[in-house]
PDB file of N, CA and C in Angstrom:
ATOM      1  N   THR A   1      34.393  55.274 -35.490  1.00  0.00           N
ATOM      2  CA  THR A   1      34.707  56.251 -36.604  1.00  0.00           C
ATOM      3  C   THR A   1      34.820  55.390 -37.835  1.00  0.00           C
ATOM      4  N   ARG A   2      35.153  53.895 -37.884  1.00  0.00           N
ATOM      5  CA  ARG A   2      34.984  53.059 -38.982  1.00  0.00           C
ATOM      6  C   ARG A   2      33.393  52.474 -39.495  1.00  0.00           C
ATOM      7  N   LEU A   3      32.514  52.722 -38.765  1.00  0.00           N
ATOM      8  CA  LEU A   3      31.414  52.100 -39.068  1.00  0.00           C
ATOM      9  C   LEU A   3      30.858  52.606 -40.408  1.00  0.00           C
ATOM     10  N   ASP A   4      30.347  51.829 -41.035  1.00  0.00           N
ATOM     11  CA  ASP A   4      29.483  52.067 -42.584  1.00  0.00           C
ATOM     12  C   ASP A   4      28.408  52.881 -41.953  1.00  0.00           C
ATOM     13  N   ARG A   5      28.616  54.307 -42.554  1.00  0.00           N
ATOM     14  CA  ARG A   5      27.641  55.065 -42.110  1.00  0.00           C
ATOM     15  C   ARG A   5      26.397  54.983 -43.118  1.00  0.00           C
ATOM     16  N   ARG A   6      26.574  54.189 -44.094  1.00  0.00           N
ATOM     17  CA  ARG A   6      24.984  53.917 -45.044  1.00  0.00           C
ATOM     18  C   ARG A   6      24.200  53.092 -43.991  1.00  0.00           C
ATOM     19  N   ARG A   7      24.854  52.198 -42.928  1.00  0.00           N
ATOM     20  CA  ARG A   7      24.124  51.375 -42.287  1.00  0.00           C
ATOM     21  C   ARG A   7      23.892  51.683 -41.003  1.00  0.00           C
ATOM     22  N   TRP A   8      24.827  52.636 -40.450  1.00  0.00           N
ATOM     23  CA  TRP A   8      24.951  52.999 -39.040  1.00  0.00           C
ATOM     24  C   TRP A   8      25.091  54.646 -38.790  1.00  0.00           C
ATOM     25  N   THR A   9      24.652  54.953 -37.781  1.00  0.00           N
ATOM     26  CA  THR A   9      24.579  56.270 -37.266  1.00  0.00           C
ATOM     27  C   THR A   9      25.131  56.599 -36.027  1.00  0.00           C
ATOM     28  N   PRO A  10      26.338  56.308 -35.589  1.00  0.00           N
ATOM     29  CA  PRO A  10      26.723  56.316 -34.211  1.00  0.00           C
ATOM     30  C   PRO A  10      26.626  57.315 -33.491  1.00  0.00           C
ATOM     31  N   SER A  11      26.580  57.314 -32.299  1.00  0.00           N
ATOM     32  CA  SER A  11      26.558  58.704 -31.568  1.00  0.00           C
ATOM     33  C   SER A  11      26.889  58.163 -29.790  1.00  0.00           C
ATOM     34  N   VAL A  12      27.545  59.497 -29.396  1.00  0.00           N
ATOM     35  CA  VAL A  12      28.180  59.061 -28.173  1.00  0.00           C
ATOM     36  C   VAL A  12      27.456  59.783 -27.006  1.00  0.00           C
ATOM     37  N   VAL A  13      27.346  59.169 -25.730  1.00  0.00           N
ATOM     38  CA  VAL A  13      26.679  60.030 -24.596  1.00  0.00           C
ATOM     39  C   VAL A  13      27.571  59.922 -23.497  1.00  0.00           C
ATOM     40  N   CYS A  14      28.138  61.118 -23.238  1.00  0.00           N
ATOM     41  CA  CYS A  14      29.254  60.931 -21.805  1.00  0.00           C
ATOM     42  C   CYS A  14      28.212  61.339 -20.828  1.00  0.00           C
ATOM     43  N   LEU A  15      28.639  60.526 -19.588  1.00  0.00           N
ATOM     44  CA  LEU A  15      27.845  60.893 -18.237  1.00  0.00           C
ATOM     45  C   LEU A  15      28.323  62.019 -17.694  1.00  0.00           C
ATOM     46  N   ARG A  16      29.619  62.509 -17.782  1.00  0.00           N
ATOM     47  CA  ARG A  16      30.223  63.590 -17.415  1.00  0.00           C
ATOM     48  C   ARG A  16      30.477  64.551 -18.341  1.00  0.00           C
ATOM     49  N   THR A  17      31.389  65.593 -18.295  1.00  0.00           N
ATOM     50  CA  THR A  17      31.757  66.452 -19.323  1.00  0.00           C
ATOM     51  C   THR A  17      32.600  65.629 -20.703  1.00  0.00           C
ATOM     52  N   PRO A  18      32.366  65.803 -21.757  1.00  0.00           N
ATOM     53  CA  PRO A  18      33.107  65.162 -22.984  1.00  0.00           C
ATOM     54  C   PRO A  18      34.674  65.217 -22.653  1.00  0.00           C
ATOM     55  N   GLY A  19      35.285  64.247 -22.869  1.00  0.00           N
ATOM     56  CA  GLY A  19      36.662  63.936 -22.755  1.00  0.00           C
ATOM     57  C   GLY A  19      37.354  64.304 -23.732  1.00  0.00           C
ATOM     58  N   GLU A  20      38.968  63.916 -24.195  1.00  0.00           N
ATOM     59  CA  GLU A  20      39.712  64.175 -24.776  1.00  0.00           C
ATOM     60  C   GLU A  20      39.354  63.497 -26.354  1.00  0.00           C
ATOM     61  N   MET A  21      38.622  62.694 -26.049  1.00  0.00           N
ATOM     62  CA  MET A  21      38.049  61.885 -27.525  1.00  0.00           C
ATOM     63  C   MET A  21      36.852  62.723 -28.270  1.00  0.00           C
ATOM     64  N   ALA A  22      36.333  63.559 -27.572  1.00  0.00           N
ATOM     65  CA  ALA A  22      34.969  64.055 -28.168  1.00  0.00           C
ATOM     66  C   ALA A  22      35.338  64.838 -29.422  1.00  0.00           C
ATOM     67  N   PRO A  23      36.549  65.888 -29.504  1.00  0.00           N
ATOM     68  CA  PRO A  23      36.828  66.639 -30.701  1.00  0.00           C
ATOM     69  C   PRO A  23      37.092  65.661 -31.881  1.00  0.00           C
ATOM     70  N   ARG A  24      37.661  64.564 -31.615  1.00  0.00           N
ATOM     71  CA  ARG A  24      38.024  63.749 -32.750  1.00  0.00           C
ATOM     72  C   ARG A  24      36.629  63.144 -33.460  1.00  0.00           C
ATOM     73  N   LEU A  25      35.971  62.520 -32.379  1.00  0.00           N
ATOM     74  CA  LEU A  25      34.592  62.101 -32.773  1.00  0.00           C
ATOM     75  C   LEU A  25      33.801  62.980 -33.783  1.00  0.00           C
ATOM     76  N   MET A  26      33.587  64.232 -33.127  1.00  0.00           N
ATOM     77  CA  MET A  26      32.800  64.965 -33.614  1.00  0.00           C
ATOM     78  C   MET A  26      33.250  65.559 -34.978  1.00  0.00           C
ATOM     79  N   SER A  27      34.608  65.644 -35.162  1.00  0.00           N
ATOM     80  CA  SER A  27      35.263  65.883 -36.466  1.00  0.00           C
ATOM     81  C   SER A  27      34.903  64.694 -37.588  1.00  0.00           C
ATOM     82  N   GLU A  28      34.667  63.585 -36.893  1.00  0.00           N
ATOM     83  CA  GLU A  28      34.443  62.236 -37.821  1.00  0.00           C
ATOM     84  C   GLU A  28      32.727  62.400 -38.026  1.00  0.00           C
ATOM     85  N   GLY A  29      32.307  63.419 -37.402  1.00  0.00           N
ATOM     86  CA  GLY A  29      30.799  63.457 -37.773  1.00  0.00           C
ATOM     87  C   GLY A  29      29.842  62.659 -36.733  1.00  0.00           C
ATOM     88  N   ILE A  30      30.413  62.277 -35.796  1.00  0.00           N
ATOM     89  CA  ILE A  30      29.671  61.548 -34.461  1.00  0.00           C
ATOM     90  C   ILE A  30      29.372  62.574 -33.590  1.00  0.00           C
ATOM     91  N   ARG A  31      27.810  62.332 -33.471  1.00  0.00           N
ATOM     92  CA  ARG A  31      27.104  63.210 -32.286  1.00  0.00           C
ATOM     93  C   ARG A  31      27.743  63.004 -31.012  1.00  0.00           C
ATOM     94  N   VAL A  32      28.160  63.824 -30.277  1.00  0.00           N
ATOM     95  CA  VAL A  32      28.493  63.877 -28.824  1.00  0.00           C
ATOM     96  C   VAL A  32      27.570  64.616 -27.895  1.00  0.00           C
ATOM     97  N   ASP A  33      27.076  63.840 -26.984  1.00  0.00           N
ATOM     98  CA  ASP A  33      26.145  64.863 -25.914  1.00  0.00           C
ATOM     99  C   ASP A  33      26.796  64.330 -24.457  1.00  0.00           C
ATOM    100  N   SER A  34      26.505  65.318 -23.466  1.00  0.00           N
ATOM    101  CA  SER A  34      26.825  65.040 -22.445  1.00  0.00           C
ATOM    102  C   SER A  34      25.664  65.125 -21.335  1.00  0.00           C
ATOM    103  N   LEU A  35      25.756  64.169 -20.397  1.00  0.00           N
ATOM    104  CA  LEU A  35      24.489  64.303 -19.166  1.00  0.00           C
ATOM    105  C   LEU A  35      24.963  65.275 -18.320  1.00  0.00           C
ATOM    106  N   GLU A  36      26.267  65.583 -17.995  1.00  0.00           N
ATOM    107  CA  GLU A  36      26.792  66.519 -17.054  1.00  0.00           C
ATOM    108  C   GLU A  36      26.504  66.098 -15.479  1.00  0.00           C
ATOM    109  N   LEU A  37      26.682  64.555 -15.303  1.00  0.00           N
ATOM    110  CA  LEU A  37      26.434  64.008 -14.356  1.00  0.00           C
ATOM    111  C   LEU A  37      27.739  64.187 -13.538  1.00  0.00           C
ATOM    112  N   ASP A  38      27.420  65.158 -12.451  1.00  0.00           N
ATOM    113  CA  ASP A  38      28.850  65.430 -11.635  1.00  0.00           C
ATOM    114  C   ASP A  38      28.429  64.842 -10.372  1.00  0.00           C
ATOM    115  N   SER A  39      27.439  64.503  -9.704  1.00  0.00           N
ATOM    116  CA  SER A  39      27.166  64.068  -8.361  1.00  0.00           C
ATOM    117  C   SER A  39      26.064  63.369  -8.347  1.00  0.00           C
ATOM    118  N   ILE A  40      25.604  62.846  -7.359  1.00  0.00           N
ATOM    119  CA  ILE A  40      24.347  61.816  -7.183  1.00  0.00           C
ATOM    120  C   ILE A  40      22.998  62.655  -7.325  1.00  0.00           C
ATOM    121  N   ILE A  41      23.207  63.918  -7.229  1.00  0.00           N
ATOM    122  CA  ILE A  41      22.001  64.741  -7.075  1.00  0.00           C
ATOM    123  C   ILE A  41      21.689  65.043  -8.480  1.00  0.00           C
ATOM    124  N   ASP A  42      22.621  64.890  -9.544  1.00  0.00           N
ATOM    125  CA  ASP A  42      22.431  65.289 -11.019  1.00  0.00           C
ATOM    126  C   ASP A  42      21.429  63.651 -11.634  1.00  0.00           C
ATOM    127  N   LEU A  43      21.698  62.657 -10.702  1.00  0.00           N
ATOM    128  CA  LEU A  43      21.283  61.389 -11.434  1.00  0.00           C
ATOM    129  C   LEU A  43      19.622  61.641 -11.987  1.00  0.00           C
ATOM    130  N   PRO A  44      18.408  62.156 -11.468  1.00  0.00           N
ATOM    131  CA  PRO A  44      17.139  62.600 -12.150  1.00  0.00           C
ATOM    132  C   PRO A  44      17.449  63.190 -13.495  1.00  0.00           C
ATOM    133  N   LYS A  45      18.107  64.212 -13.414  1.00  0.00           N
ATOM    134  CA  LYS A  45      18.205  64.885 -14.601  1.00  0.00           C
ATOM    135  C   LYS A  45      19.050  64.332 -15.612  1.00  0.00           C
ATOM    136  N   ALA A  46      20.121  63.522 -15.287  1.00  0.00           N
ATOM    137  CA  ALA A  46      20.663  62.889 -16.347  1.00  0.00           C
ATOM    138  C   ALA A  46      19.982  61.811 -16.996  1.00  0.00           C
ATOM    139  N   PHE A  47      18.955  60.977 -15.932  1.00  0.00           N
ATOM    140  CA  PHE A  47      18.140  59.931 -16.543  1.00  0.00           C
ATOM    141  C   PHE A  47      17.183  60.657 -17.332  1.00  0.00           C
ATOM    142  N   ARG A  48      16.445  61.751 -17.159  1.00  0.00           N
ATOM    143  CA  ARG A  48      15.497  62.093 -17.994  1.00  0.00           C
ATOM    144  C   ARG A  48      16.227  62.820 -19.267  1.00  0.00           C
ATOM    145  N   ARG A  49      17.380  63.364 -19.189  1.00  0.00           N
ATOM    146  CA  ARG A  49      18.160  63.836 -20.470  1.00  0.00           C
ATOM    147  C   ARG A  49      18.626  62.601 -21.383  1.00  0.00           C
ATOM    148  N   TRP A  50      18.908  61.608 -20.948  1.00  0.00           N
ATOM    149  CA  TRP A  50      19.450  60.462 -21.730  1.00  0.00           C
ATOM    150  C   TRP A  50      18.012  59.716 -22.483  1.00  0.00           C
ATOM    151  N   THR A  51      17.034  59.636 -21.544  1.00  0.00           N
ATOM    152  CA  THR A  51      15.914  58.919 -22.082  1.00  0.00           C
ATOM    153  C   THR A  51      15.246  59.636 -23.340  1.00  0.00           C
ATOM    154  N   LYS A  52      15.410  61.292 -23.300  1.00  0.00           N
ATOM    155  CA  LYS A  52      14.728  61.994 -24.284  1.00  0.00           C
ATOM    156  C   LYS A  52      15.565  61.711 -25.307  1.00  0.00           C
ATOM    157  N   LEU A  53      16.965  61.821 -25.162  1.00  0.00           N
ATOM    158  CA  LEU A  53      17.936  61.486 -26.429  1.00  0.00           C
ATOM    159  C   LEU A  53      17.550  60.499 -26.886  1.00  0.00           C
ATOM    160  N   LEU A  54      17.508  59.360 -26.323  1.00  0.00           N
ATOM    161  CA  LEU A  54      17.110  57.790 -26.903  1.00  0.00           C
ATOM    162  C   LEU A  54      15.650  57.974 -27.798  1.00  0.00           C
ATOM    163  N   ARG A  55      14.990  58.566 -26.883  1.00  0.00           N
ATOM    164  CA  ARG A  55      13.514  58.390 -27.769  1.00  0.00           C
ATOM    165  C   ARG A  55      13.407  59.196 -28.993  1.00  0.00           C
ATOM    166  N   GLU A  56      14.281  60.247 -28.999  1.00  0.00           N
ATOM    167  CA  GLU A  56      14.675  61.252 -30.275  1.00  0.00           C
ATOM    168  C   GLU A  56      15.297  60.555 -31.414  1.00  0.00           C
ATOM    169  N   GLN A  57      16.458  59.691 -31.076  1.00  0.00           N
ATOM    170  CA  GLN A  57      17.092  59.241 -31.992  1.00  0.00           C
ATOM    171  C   GLN A  57      16.585  57.873 -32.325  1.00  0.00           C
ATOM    172  N   ARG A  58      15.825  57.111 -31.562  1.00  0.00           N
ATOM    173  CA  ARG A  58      15.592  55.761 -31.876  1.00  0.00           C
ATOM    174  C   ARG A  58      16.348  54.740 -32.349  1.00  0.00           C
ATOM    175  N   PRO A  59      17.569  54.711 -31.322  1.00  0.00           N
ATOM    176  CA  PRO A  59      18.501  53.704 -31.832  1.00  0.00           C
ATOM    177  C   PRO A  59      18.167  52.136 -31.748  1.00  0.00           C
ATOM    178  N   GLY A  60      18.649  51.238 -32.508  1.00  0.00           N
ATOM    179  CA  GLY A  60      18.181  49.751 -32.099  1.00  0.00           C
ATOM    180  C   GLY A  60      19.100  49.305 -31.208  1.00  0.00           C
ATOM    181  N   LEU A  61      19.936  49.961 -30.437  1.00  0.00           N
ATOM    182  CA  LEU A  61      21.172  49.217 -29.888  1.00  0.00           C
ATOM    183  C   LEU A  61      21.766  50.208 -29.149  1.00  0.00           C
ATOM    184  N   VAL A  62      21.943  50.352 -27.772  1.00  0.00           N
ATOM    185  CA  VAL A  62      22.862  50.948 -26.833  1.00  0.00           C
ATOM    186  C   VAL A  62      23.784  50.197 -26.343  1.00  0.00           C
ATOM    187  N   VAL A  63      25.082  50.654 -26.344  1.00  0.00           N
ATOM    188  CA  VAL A  63      26.426  49.947 -25.962  1.00  0.00           C
ATOM    189  C   VAL A  63      26.950  50.873 -24.967  1.00  0.00           C
ATOM    190  N   SER A  64      27.162  50.196 -23.733  1.00  0.00           N
ATOM    191  CA  SER A  64      27.818  51.062 -22.689  1.00  0.00           C
ATOM    192  C   SER A  64      28.898  50.336 -21.993  1.00  0.00           C
ATOM    193  N   PHE A  65      29.634  51.059 -21.180  1.00  0.00           N
ATOM    194  CA  PHE A  65      31.007  50.475 -20.674  1.00  0.00           C
ATOM    195  C   PHE A  65      31.311  51.305 -19.371  1.00  0.00           C
ATOM    196  N   LEU A  66      31.757  50.360 -18.432  1.00  0.00           N
ATOM    197  CA  LEU A  66      31.950  50.775 -17.131  1.00  0.00           C
ATOM    198  C   LEU A  66      30.618  50.863 -16.030  1.00  0.00           C
ATOM    199  N   TYR A  67      31.000  50.690 -15.095  1.00  0.00           N
ATOM    200  CA  TYR A  67      29.762  50.520 -14.071  1.00  0.00           C
ATOM    201  C   TYR A  67      28.738  51.417 -14.104  1.00  0.00           C
ATOM    202  N   HIS A  68      28.966  52.604 -13.807  1.00  0.00           N
ATOM    203  CA  HIS A  68      27.777  53.693 -13.787  1.00  0.00           C
ATOM    204  C   HIS A  68      27.054  53.868 -14.972  1.00  0.00           C
ATOM    205  N   ALA A  69      27.743  53.774 -16.262  1.00  0.00           N
ATOM    206  CA  ALA A  69      27.053  53.800 -17.641  1.00  0.00           C
ATOM    207  C   ALA A  69      26.427  52.644 -17.666  1.00  0.00           C
ATOM    208  N   ASN A  70      26.811  51.500 -17.290  1.00  0.00           N
ATOM    209  CA  ASN A  70      26.190  50.284 -17.527  1.00  0.00           C
ATOM    210  C   ASN A  70      24.880  50.176 -16.829  1.00  0.00           C
ATOM    211  N   MET A  71      24.728  50.662 -15.365  1.00  0.00           N
ATOM    212  CA  MET A  71      23.641  50.892 -14.442  1.00  0.00           C
ATOM    213  C   MET A  71      22.769  51.577 -15.183  1.00  0.00           C
ATOM    214  N   LEU A  72      23.117  52.922 -15.509  1.00  0.00           N
ATOM    215  CA  LEU A  72      22.113  54.088 -16.189  1.00  0.00           C
ATOM    216  C   LEU A  72      21.614  53.671 -17.392  1.00  0.00           C
ATOM    217  N   GLY A  73      22.601  53.194 -18.256  1.00  0.00           N
ATOM    218  CA  GLY A  73      22.184  53.044 -19.514  1.00  0.00           C
ATOM    219  C   GLY A  73      21.239  51.493 -19.661  1.00  0.00           C
ATOM    220  N   ARG A  74      21.223  50.809 -18.793  1.00  0.00           N
ATOM    221  CA  ARG A  74      20.343  49.664 -18.766  1.00  0.00           C
ATOM    222  C   ARG A  74      18.872  50.451 -18.411  1.00  0.00           C
ATOM    223  N   TRP A  75      18.777  50.947 -17.496  1.00  0.00           N
ATOM    224  CA  TRP A  75      17.543  51.896 -17.142  1.00  0.00           C
ATOM    225  C   TRP A  75      16.721  52.571 -17.969  1.00  0.00           C
ATOM    226  N   VAL A  76      17.694  53.510 -18.540  1.00  0.00           N
ATOM    227  CA  VAL A  76      17.444  54.374 -19.831  1.00  0.00           C
ATOM    228  C   VAL A  76      17.114  53.566 -20.892  1.00  0.00           C
ATOM    229  N   ALA A  77      17.807  52.702 -21.303  1.00  0.00           N
ATOM    230  CA  ALA A  77      17.578  52.043 -22.457  1.00  0.00           C
ATOM    231  C   ALA A  77      16.111  51.212 -22.304  1.00  0.00           C
ATOM    232  N   ARG A  78      15.837  50.767 -21.446  1.00  0.00           N
ATOM    233  CA  ARG A  78      14.499  49.861 -21.085  1.00  0.00           C
ATOM    234  C   ARG A  78      13.295  51.077 -21.299  1.00  0.00           C
ATOM    235  N   ARG A  79      13.626  52.069 -20.538  1.00  0.00           N
ATOM    236  CA  ARG A  79      12.504  53.260 -20.277  1.00  0.00           C
ATOM    237  C   ARG A  79      12.286  53.688 -21.510  1.00  0.00           C
ATOM    238  N   ALA A  80      13.333  53.988 -22.632  1.00  0.00           N
ATOM    239  CA  ALA A  80      13.165  54.531 -23.702  1.00  0.00           C
ATOM    240  C   ALA A  80      12.750  53.575 -24.905  1.00  0.00           C
ATOM    241  N   GLY A  81      12.590  52.397 -24.570  1.00  0.00           N
ATOM    242  CA  GLY A  81      11.964  51.591 -25.728  1.00  0.00           C
ATOM    243  C   GLY A  81      13.310  50.800 -26.397  1.00  0.00           C
ATOM    244  N   VAL A  82      14.488  50.943 -26.192  1.00  0.00           N
ATOM    245  CA  VAL A  82      15.776  50.599 -26.872  1.00  0.00           C
ATOM    246  C   VAL A  82      15.661  48.901 -26.852  1.00  0.00           C
ATOM    247  N   PRO A  83      15.458  48.160 -27.835  1.00  0.00           N
ATOM    248  CA  PRO A  83      15.401  46.740 -27.730  1.00  0.00           C
ATOM    249  C   PRO A  83      16.749  46.116 -27.297  1.00  0.00           C
ATOM    250  N   ILE A  84      17.972  46.478 -27.411  1.00  0.00           N
ATOM    251  CA  ILE A  84      19.015  45.955 -27.087  1.00  0.00           C
ATOM    252  C   ILE A  84      19.859  46.893 -26.249  1.00  0.00           C
ATOM    253  N   HIS A  85      20.450  46.176 -25.180  1.00  0.00           N
ATOM    254  CA  HIS A  85      21.620  47.032 -24.452  1.00  0.00           C
ATOM    255  C   HIS A  85      22.663  45.774 -24.345  1.00  0.00           C
ATOM    256  N   VAL A  86      23.758  46.425 -24.716  1.00  0.00           N
ATOM    257  CA  VAL A  86      24.946  45.590 -24.449  1.00  0.00           C
ATOM    258  C   VAL A  86      26.031  46.323 -23.891  1.00  0.00           C
ATOM    259  N   SER A  87      26.545  45.828 -22.488  1.00  0.00           N
ATOM    260  CA  SER A  87      27.253  46.350 -21.560  1.00  0.00           C
ATOM    261  C   SER A  87      28.718  45.590 -21.419  1.00  0.00           C
ATOM    262  N   GLY A  88      29.818  46.510 -21.181  1.00  0.00           N
ATOM    263  CA  GLY A  88      30.924  45.869 -21.183  1.00  0.00           C
ATOM    264  C   GLY A  88      31.665  46.086 -20.052  1.00  0.00           C
ATOM    265  N   VAL A  89      32.260  45.186 -19.202  1.00  0.00           N
ATOM    266  CA  VAL A  89      32.671  45.349 -18.074  1.00  0.00           C
ATOM    267  C   VAL A  89      34.266  45.549 -18.305  1.00  0.00           C
ATOM    268  N   ARG A  90      34.847  46.686 -17.975  1.00  0.00           N
ATOM    269  CA  ARG A  90      36.349  47.199 -18.220  1.00  0.00           C
ATOM    270  C   ARG A  90      37.131  46.827 -17.127  1.00  0.00           C
ATOM    271  N   VAL A  91      36.548  47.368 -15.845  1.00  0.00           N
ATOM    272  CA  VAL A  91      37.227  47.160 -14.576  1.00  0.00           C
ATOM    273  C   VAL A  91      36.250  46.496 -13.644  1.00  0.00           C
ATOM    274  N   ALA A  92      36.704  45.730 -12.968  1.00  0.00           N
ATOM    275  CA  ALA A  92      35.890  44.990 -11.819  1.00  0.00           C
ATOM    276  C   ALA A  92      36.783  44.990 -10.618  1.00  0.00           C
ATOM    277  N   GLU A  93      35.605  45.954  -9.795  1.00  0.00           N
ATOM    278  CA  GLU A  93      36.291  46.439  -8.349  1.00  0.00           C
ATOM    279  C   GLU A  93      35.638  45.624  -7.359  1.00  0.00           C
ATOM    280  N   ARG A  94      36.314  45.398  -6.337  1.00  0.00           N
ATOM    281  CA  ARG A  94      35.657  44.556  -5.395  1.00  0.00           C
ATOM    282  C   ARG A  94      34.539  45.306  -4.589  1.00  0.00           C
TER     283      ARG A  94
END
């Protein structure tokens, strides 16, 4: 919410249904999209939808957090031609 909007146009993509942060982000003018990824069966649809979003928005950077978003984000960013993907590990499971 504190990025300089003259330089950046942030957006958020949720793998599942948008959570409790979505209304605050949207009230700050940040676009929030949902991939509605509820099961492995939805994975191809989510992959196509996120790829389409990235191709439309043409970001210079994708940042993802947590395992599933990192894995899908890396594939989608590469497929959509996003030059940089940064992922962050917040939970390390055995």
